[in-house]
Amino acid sequence: MASPPTPEPPIPPVKLDPLAALLSYLIPGLGQVYQGRVGKGLLFFGGLYALFFYGMWMGQWRNVWLPDASSLPDVSVAGQTLGGPAKAASYRPQFLGQFWIGTAAWPAVYQYAVYDSTKDAAPVTGKFQRTPDEKELNDLQRNGNKRWDLGWVYTVIAGVLNLLVIYDAFAGPMFREPLKQTGWVDDPDMEDANAAASAPKPPPAPPPPPAPRPVFPPAQVPLDLPPPAQVPNPPGQQGGQ
């Protein structure tokens, strides 16, 4: 008799990992490395940083910044007047995408926080990711041969793609290995699932006994039957006897 098929081990439940998501925001792929997915983390790190810094190089390192909008006209959204970083981002919406590349865009935030129009550079970062003045911005757009505009597009794409990397680190891999192969023992839910998967299965129930065959009594032959009648020979055979 064939044995019943062995059930597959259960898939571990999805575990959200905010720490890994934060690490992948700071440096793309760092959260995946923290989770043990080193190859994927290094791929994200190299690919997104190459795209972001290549875009900055195309823009002569002057296409990532958060402007000082204190002297610019007010901006209202849904009847609310924006101020501070929200107003600055409304004048430079590209930075909303660039920001998600993580620490690579933090010099622009620092430049915004310490911006002083009377000085040409910040104390620590110099002119790196500093808001260009109007004359410099006009020169970049006029003499950049479209490379300047294309460069900031690359930086925005890199930041938006890192949002997917952050979500991948937060929600874990799409394809998860069964519990018997992972060896995780710190989670009580996983321990219960592993115990259920490794518990011995009860033997199959025996088949039911066959139904009894009907028994019929033997036929009764009457004992007082008359002897069989004598059949006379045909006329043509009497002389030969």
Protein backbone atom coordinates (compact mmCIF):
# COMPACT_ATOMS: atom_id res chain seq x y z
CA MET A 1 0.00 0.00 0.00
CA ALA A 2 1.44 3.42 -1.02
CA SER A 3 2.31 5.77 1.83
CA PRO A 4 0.53 9.15 1.92
CA PRO A 5 2.49 12.12 0.49
CA THR A 6 4.56 14.07 3.00
CA PRO A 7 3.19 17.60 3.47
CA GLU A 8 5.50 20.47 2.62
CA PRO A 9 6.92 22.44 5.57
CA PRO A 10 5.09 25.70 6.29
CA ILE A 11 6.29 29.08 5.05
CA PRO A 12 7.43 31.45 7.83
CA PRO A 13 5.16 34.44 8.49
CA VAL A 14 6.09 37.86 7.17
CA LYS A 15 8.11 39.84 9.74
CA LEU A 16 8.37 43.60 9.30
CA ASP A 17 11.86 44.96 9.94
CA PRO A 18 11.88 48.76 10.55
CA LEU A 19 15.58 48.75 11.49
CA ALA A 20 16.56 47.20 8.15
CA ALA A 21 14.38 49.75 6.34
CA LEU A 22 16.14 52.59 8.16
CA LEU A 23 19.55 51.18 7.28
CA SER A 24 18.58 50.89 3.61
CA TYR A 25 17.47 54.51 3.67
CA LEU A 26 20.77 55.67 5.14
CA ILE A 27 22.83 53.66 2.64
CA PRO A 28 21.08 51.75 -0.18
CA GLY A 29 21.36 48.00 0.38
CA LEU A 30 22.66 48.22 3.95
CA GLY A 31 19.41 46.80 5.34
CA GLN A 32 19.65 43.78 3.04
CA VAL A 33 23.24 43.19 4.19
CA TYR A 34 22.04 43.39 7.80
CA GLN A 35 19.41 40.73 7.00
CA GLY A 36 22.05 38.42 5.53
CA ARG A 37 21.20 39.07 1.88
CA VAL A 38 24.66 40.36 1.12
CA GLY A 39 24.61 39.88 -2.65
CA LYS A 40 21.38 41.79 -3.12
CA GLY A 41 22.55 44.53 -0.75
CA LEU A 42 25.79 45.07 -2.64
CA LEU A 43 23.89 45.14 -5.93
CA PHE A 44 21.56 47.85 -4.63
CA PHE A 45 24.46 49.80 -3.15
CA GLY A 46 26.55 49.81 -6.30
CA GLY A 47 23.70 50.34 -8.76
CA LEU A 48 21.92 53.21 -7.02
CA TYR A 49 25.03 55.08 -5.95
CA ALA A 50 26.47 54.75 -9.46
CA LEU A 51 23.27 56.19 -10.93
CA PHE A 52 23.05 59.01 -8.37
CA PHE A 53 26.65 60.18 -8.53
CA TYR A 54 26.80 59.78 -12.30
CA GLY A 55 23.83 62.13 -12.50
CA MET A 56 25.61 64.59 -10.22
CA TRP A 57 28.71 64.37 -12.40
CA MET A 58 26.65 65.12 -15.50
CA GLY A 59 25.32 68.22 -13.72
CA GLN A 60 28.83 69.35 -12.75
CA TRP A 61 28.02 68.44 -9.12
CA ARG A 62 25.58 71.35 -8.95
CA ASN A 63 22.14 69.77 -9.44
CA VAL A 64 21.25 68.57 -5.93
CA TRP A 65 20.19 71.26 -3.47
CA LEU A 66 17.34 72.54 -1.29
CA PRO A 67 16.97 76.29 -1.89
CA ASP A 68 16.61 79.00 0.69
CA ALA A 69 13.10 80.28 -0.11
CA SER A 70 12.78 82.83 2.67
CA SER A 71 12.93 85.74 0.20
CA LEU A 72 10.78 84.08 -2.46
CA PRO A 73 7.01 84.62 -2.87
CA ASP A 74 4.71 82.64 -0.60
CA VAL A 75 3.25 79.34 -1.79
CA SER A 76 -0.23 78.21 -0.72
CA VAL A 77 -1.61 74.67 -0.94
CA ALA A 78 -5.26 74.00 -0.06
CA GLY A 79 -5.49 77.40 1.56
CA GLN A 80 -2.42 76.83 3.74
CA THR A 81 0.68 78.95 3.28
CA LEU A 82 3.79 76.83 3.19
CA GLY A 83 6.90 77.74 5.08
CA GLY A 84 10.32 76.39 5.92
CA PRO A 85 11.40 73.16 4.17
CA ALA A 86 7.94 72.68 2.64
CA LYS A 87 8.18 76.03 0.86
CA ALA A 88 11.75 75.28 -0.20
CA ALA A 89 10.70 71.91 -1.63
CA SER A 90 7.87 73.57 -3.57
CA TYR A 91 10.50 75.62 -5.40
CA ARG A 92 12.74 72.61 -5.92
CA PRO A 93 10.42 69.54 -6.17
CA GLN A 94 13.26 67.45 -7.61
CA PHE A 95 14.72 67.23 -4.12
CA LEU A 96 11.66 65.29 -2.93
CA GLY A 97 12.92 62.40 -5.06
CA GLN A 98 16.62 62.97 -4.43
CA PHE A 99 16.11 62.96 -0.66
CA TRP A 100 15.34 59.22 -0.57
CA ILE A 101 18.87 58.29 -1.64
CA GLY A 102 19.74 58.76 2.04
CA THR A 103 22.92 60.23 3.44
CA ALA A 104 24.21 61.08 -0.04
CA ALA A 105 21.65 63.93 -0.12
CA TRP A 106 22.13 65.09 3.46
CA PRO A 107 24.73 67.77 2.55
CA ALA A 108 21.90 69.61 0.78
CA VAL A 109 19.87 69.56 4.01
CA TYR A 110 22.87 70.84 5.93
CA GLN A 111 23.46 73.59 3.37
CA TYR A 112 19.81 74.64 3.71
CA ALA A 113 20.05 74.73 7.50
CA VAL A 114 23.23 76.87 7.63
CA TYR A 115 22.65 78.90 4.45
CA ASP A 116 23.99 82.44 4.63
CA SER A 117 23.63 84.59 1.56
CA THR A 118 26.56 86.75 2.64
CA LYS A 119 28.96 83.82 2.39
CA ASP A 120 30.05 81.87 -0.64
CA ALA A 121 30.38 78.47 1.07
CA ALA A 122 29.27 76.54 4.14
CA PRO A 123 31.73 75.91 7.00
CA VAL A 124 32.10 72.14 6.47
CA THR A 125 30.79 71.11 3.06
CA GLY A 126 31.87 74.18 1.11
CA LYS A 127 29.79 74.53 -2.07
CA PHE A 128 28.90 70.85 -2.32
CA GLN A 129 25.11 70.66 -2.78
CA ARG A 130 24.78 74.37 -2.02
CA THR A 131 22.08 76.42 -3.72
CA PRO A 132 23.64 78.09 -6.78
CA ASP A 133 23.03 81.78 -7.22
CA GLU A 134 20.97 83.03 -10.13
CA LYS A 135 23.96 83.83 -12.37
CA GLU A 136 25.56 80.41 -11.82
CA LEU A 137 22.24 78.65 -12.39
CA ASN A 138 21.71 80.48 -15.68
CA ASP A 139 25.23 79.55 -16.81
CA LEU A 140 24.64 75.88 -15.94
CA GLN A 141 21.38 75.73 -17.87
CA ARG A 142 22.73 77.65 -20.85
CA ASN A 143 26.12 75.98 -21.18
CA GLY A 144 25.29 72.50 -19.95
CA ASN A 145 24.19 71.19 -23.37
CA LYS A 146 21.17 69.44 -21.74
CA ARG A 147 23.51 67.34 -19.64
CA TRP A 148 22.70 69.36 -16.55
CA ASP A 149 18.96 68.69 -16.87
CA LEU A 150 19.50 65.02 -17.69
CA GLY A 151 21.82 64.67 -14.71
CA TRP A 152 19.22 65.70 -12.11
CA VAL A 153 16.77 63.27 -13.71
CA TYR A 154 19.22 60.44 -12.97
CA THR A 155 19.55 61.57 -9.35
CA VAL A 156 15.76 61.64 -8.91
CA ILE A 157 15.40 58.15 -10.42
CA ALA A 158 18.06 56.82 -8.03
CA GLY A 159 16.22 58.27 -5.02
CA VAL A 160 12.84 56.90 -6.10
CA LEU A 161 14.30 53.46 -6.76
CA ASN A 162 15.73 53.43 -3.26
CA LEU A 163 12.14 53.63 -1.97
CA LEU A 164 11.67 50.12 -3.39
CA VAL A 165 14.89 49.01 -1.73
CA ILE A 166 13.64 50.40 1.60
CA TYR A 167 10.35 48.54 1.23
CA ASP A 168 12.18 45.32 0.34
CA ALA A 169 14.19 45.58 3.55
CA PHE A 170 11.09 46.48 5.58
CA ALA A 171 8.82 43.64 4.38
CA GLY A 172 11.52 41.01 3.74
CA PRO A 173 12.12 38.90 0.63
CA MET A 174 9.24 37.97 -1.65
CA PHE A 175 10.24 34.29 -1.77
CA ARG A 176 10.83 32.78 1.68
CA GLU A 177 12.34 29.41 2.49
CA PRO A 178 10.34 26.85 4.49
CA LEU A 179 10.86 26.84 8.23
CA LYS A 180 12.69 23.49 8.32
CA GLN A 181 15.44 24.97 6.17
CA THR A 182 15.82 28.35 7.85
CA GLY A 183 16.87 27.23 11.31
CA TRP A 184 15.34 30.25 13.01
CA VAL A 185 14.51 29.37 16.60
CA ASP A 186 14.12 32.75 18.28
CA ASP A 187 10.52 33.30 17.17
CA PRO A 188 7.87 31.36 19.18
CA ASP A 189 5.53 31.31 16.19
CA MET A 190 8.22 29.71 14.04
CA GLU A 191 9.04 27.19 16.77
CA ASP A 192 5.38 26.13 16.92
CA ALA A 193 5.21 25.82 13.15
CA ASN A 194 8.43 23.80 13.08
CA ALA A 195 7.13 21.48 15.80
CA ALA A 196 3.88 20.97 13.92
CA ALA A 197 5.77 20.19 10.72
CA SER A 198 8.11 17.70 12.40
CA ALA A 199 5.51 15.93 14.58
CA PRO A 200 4.90 12.27 13.63
CA LYS A 201 1.82 11.71 11.57
CA PRO A 202 -0.80 9.21 12.79
CA PRO A 203 -0.95 5.93 10.81
CA PRO A 204 -3.66 5.72 8.20
CA ALA A 205 -6.94 4.08 9.23
CA PRO A 206 -7.24 0.35 8.26
CA PRO A 207 -9.58 -0.44 5.39
CA PRO A 208 -13.09 -1.62 6.34
CA PRO A 209 -13.65 -5.44 6.40
CA PRO A 210 -15.25 -6.95 3.31
CA ALA A 211 -18.97 -7.46 3.38
CA PRO A 212 -20.04 -11.11 4.10
CA ARG A 213 -21.14 -13.12 1.10
CA PRO A 214 -24.68 -14.49 1.22
CA VAL A 215 -24.96 -18.26 1.91
CA PHE A 216 -27.82 -20.11 0.21
CA PRO A 217 -29.06 -23.54 1.57
CA PRO A 218 -28.53 -26.56 -0.75
CA ALA A 219 -31.44 -27.60 -2.90
CA GLN A 220 -33.57 -30.44 -1.45
CA VAL A 221 -33.91 -33.44 -3.80
CA PRO A 222 -37.10 -35.51 -3.13
CA LEU A 223 -36.31 -39.19 -2.36
CA ASP A 224 -39.65 -40.76 -3.52
CA LEU A 225 -39.34 -39.94 -7.18
CA PRO A 226 -40.72 -42.62 -9.61
CA PRO A 227 -38.14 -44.58 -11.62
CA PRO A 228 -37.39 -43.24 -15.05
CA ALA A 229 -39.63 -44.54 -17.85
CA GLN A 230 -38.25 -47.20 -20.22
CA VAL A 231 -37.92 -45.89 -23.73
CA PRO A 232 -38.72 -48.68 -26.30
CA ASN A 233 -36.32 -49.28 -29.13
CA PRO A 234 -37.36 -48.22 -32.60
CA PRO A 235 -38.84 -50.97 -34.79
CA GLY A 236 -35.88 -51.15 -37.10
CA GLN A 237 -33.47 -52.05 -34.28
CA GLN A 238 -35.40 -54.98 -32.70
CA GLY A 239 -34.09 -57.67 -35.12
CA GLY A 240 -30.52 -56.89 -34.43
CA GLN A 241 -30.79 -57.55 -30.69
